[in-house]
Amino acid sequence: MSKALTKAKGFKKSKSGTYLSIATTAFGALGVAKQAKKARTEHDTLRLIDAAVSAAAIVTGLAILYRELKRLGDDDVLLG
């Protein structure tokens, strides 16, 4: 396996990969906000509950990614 391919596989465990994961997860919050707004205007309780559960999943995911980012510290895969 080439060195470049090894680095690419380790991207998910790098600071850059974690920042990218945080950004994409936060971007998903926009869709949930739209869903919640639409559910409120249509008075759809089931969709509002779905949006609340999805928002909780996003918050949990961001917390896990933040913890992983703190754990990475200086031993970044892509730097060395």
C-alpha atoms as a PDB file:
ATOM      1  CA  MET A   1       0.000   0.000   0.000  1.00  0.00           C
ATOM      2  CA  SER A   2       1.419   3.370  -0.953  1.00  0.00           C
ATOM      3  CA  LYS A   3       2.171   6.070   1.574  1.00  0.00           C
ATOM      4  CA  ALA A   4      -0.451   8.393   0.030  1.00  0.00           C
ATOM      5  CA  LEU A   5      -3.144   5.738   0.326  1.00  0.00           C
ATOM      6  CA  THR A   6      -2.200   5.116   3.942  1.00  0.00           C
ATOM      7  CA  LYS A   7      -2.503   8.839   4.670  1.00  0.00           C
ATOM      8  CA  ALA A   8      -5.886   8.969   2.933  1.00  0.00           C
ATOM      9  CA  LYS A   9      -7.172   6.100   5.050  1.00  0.00           C
ATOM     10  CA  GLY A  10      -5.988   7.891   8.187  1.00  0.00           C
ATOM     11  CA  PHE A  11      -7.753  11.130   7.212  1.00  0.00           C
ATOM     12  CA  LYS A  12     -10.825  10.328   9.296  1.00  0.00           C
ATOM     13  CA  LYS A  13      -8.673  10.098  12.418  1.00  0.00           C
ATOM     14  CA  SER A  14      -6.868  13.374  11.716  1.00  0.00           C
ATOM     15  CA  LYS A  15      -7.667  16.876  12.926  1.00  0.00           C
ATOM     16  CA  SER A  16      -8.580  17.919   9.388  1.00  0.00           C
ATOM     17  CA  GLY A  17     -10.926  14.967   9.005  1.00  0.00           C
ATOM     18  CA  THR A  18     -12.534  15.681  12.354  1.00  0.00           C
ATOM     19  CA  TYR A  19     -13.056  19.340  11.447  1.00  0.00           C
ATOM     20  CA  LEU A  20     -14.644  18.234   8.177  1.00  0.00           C
ATOM     21  CA  SER A  21     -16.939  15.855  10.059  1.00  0.00           C
ATOM     22  CA  ILE A  22     -17.936  18.651  12.435  1.00  0.00           C
ATOM     23  CA  ALA A  23     -18.728  20.928   9.492  1.00  0.00           C
ATOM     24  CA  THR A  24     -20.851  18.351   7.685  1.00  0.00           C
ATOM     25  CA  THR A  25     -22.713  17.473  10.870  1.00  0.00           C
ATOM     26  CA  ALA A  26     -23.386  21.136  11.583  1.00  0.00           C
ATOM     27  CA  PHE A  27     -24.569  21.546   7.972  1.00  0.00           C
ATOM     28  CA  GLY A  28     -27.130  18.831   8.669  1.00  0.00           C
ATOM     29  CA  ALA A  29     -28.559  21.078  11.364  1.00  0.00           C
ATOM     30  CA  LEU A  30     -29.796  23.425   8.631  1.00  0.00           C
ATOM     31  CA  GLY A  31     -32.006  20.691   7.224  1.00  0.00           C
ATOM     32  CA  VAL A  32     -33.361  19.889  10.657  1.00  0.00           C
ATOM     33  CA  ALA A  33     -34.123  23.563  11.289  1.00  0.00           C
ATOM     34  CA  LYS A  34     -36.043  23.748   7.993  1.00  0.00           C
ATOM     35  CA  GLN A  35     -37.931  20.599   8.920  1.00  0.00           C
ATOM     36  CA  ALA A  36     -38.848  22.000  12.340  1.00  0.00           C
ATOM     37  CA  LYS A  37     -39.989  25.311  10.845  1.00  0.00           C
ATOM     38  CA  LYS A  38     -42.169  23.548   8.292  1.00  0.00           C
ATOM     39  CA  ALA A  39     -43.632  21.272  10.969  1.00  0.00           C
ATOM     40  CA  ARG A  40     -44.519  24.267  13.140  1.00  0.00           C
ATOM     41  CA  THR A  41     -46.250  26.106  10.304  1.00  0.00           C
ATOM     42  CA  GLU A  42     -48.225  22.992   9.350  1.00  0.00           C
ATOM     43  CA  HIS A  43     -48.939  22.081  13.006  1.00  0.00           C
ATOM     44  CA  ASP A  44     -47.519  18.598  12.365  1.00  0.00           C
ATOM     45  CA  THR A  45     -46.606  17.167  15.758  1.00  0.00           C
ATOM     46  CA  LEU A  46     -45.047  13.984  14.410  1.00  0.00           C
ATOM     47  CA  ARG A  47     -42.629  15.871  12.133  1.00  0.00           C
ATOM     48  CA  LEU A  48     -41.815  18.235  14.987  1.00  0.00           C
ATOM     49  CA  ILE A  49     -40.920  15.275  17.200  1.00  0.00           C
ATOM     50  CA  ASP A  50     -38.802  13.847  14.373  1.00  0.00           C
ATOM     51  CA  ALA A  51     -36.976  17.171  14.049  1.00  0.00           C
ATOM     52  CA  ALA A  52     -36.361  17.284  17.810  1.00  0.00           C
ATOM     53  CA  VAL A  53     -34.926  13.759  17.826  1.00  0.00           C
ATOM     54  CA  SER A  54     -32.750  14.583  14.820  1.00  0.00           C
ATOM     55  CA  ALA A  55     -31.524  17.748  16.536  1.00  0.00           C
ATOM     56  CA  ALA A  56     -30.617  15.727  19.625  1.00  0.00           C
ATOM     57  CA  ALA A  57     -28.661  13.299  17.425  1.00  0.00           C
ATOM     58  CA  ILE A  58     -26.791  16.184  15.818  1.00  0.00           C
ATOM     59  CA  VAL A  59     -25.896  17.697  19.190  1.00  0.00           C
ATOM     60  CA  THR A  60     -24.680  14.303  20.422  1.00  0.00           C
ATOM     61  CA  GLY A  61     -22.650  13.771  17.245  1.00  0.00           C
ATOM     62  CA  LEU A  62     -21.030  17.181  17.568  1.00  0.00           C
ATOM     63  CA  ALA A  63     -20.163  16.485  21.205  1.00  0.00           C
ATOM     64  CA  ILE A  64     -18.529  13.172  20.262  1.00  0.00           C
ATOM     65  CA  LEU A  65     -16.561  14.803  17.440  1.00  0.00           C
ATOM     66  CA  TYR A  66     -15.437  17.605  19.749  1.00  0.00           C
ATOM     67  CA  ARG A  67     -14.242  15.029  22.288  1.00  0.00           C
ATOM     68  CA  GLU A  68     -12.354  13.190  19.537  1.00  0.00           C
ATOM     69  CA  LEU A  69     -10.766  16.466  18.430  1.00  0.00           C
ATOM     70  CA  LYS A  70      -9.546  17.122  21.954  1.00  0.00           C
ATOM     71  CA  ARG A  71      -8.131  13.595  22.190  1.00  0.00           C
ATOM     72  CA  LEU A  72      -6.164  13.922  18.974  1.00  0.00           C
ATOM     73  CA  GLY A  73      -3.978  16.675  20.363  1.00  0.00           C
ATOM     74  CA  ASP A  74      -0.542  16.754  18.773  1.00  0.00           C
ATOM     75  CA  ASP A  75      -0.450  13.191  17.378  1.00  0.00           C
ATOM     76  CA  ASP A  76      -2.111  14.109  14.087  1.00  0.00           C
ATOM     77  CA  VAL A  77      -1.974  11.339  11.476  1.00  0.00           C
ATOM     78  CA  LEU A  78      -1.440  13.621   8.474  1.00  0.00           C
ATOM     79  CA  LEU A  79       1.373  15.644  10.008  1.00  0.00           C
ATOM     80  CA  GLY A  80       3.840  12.834  10.537  1.00  0.00           C
END
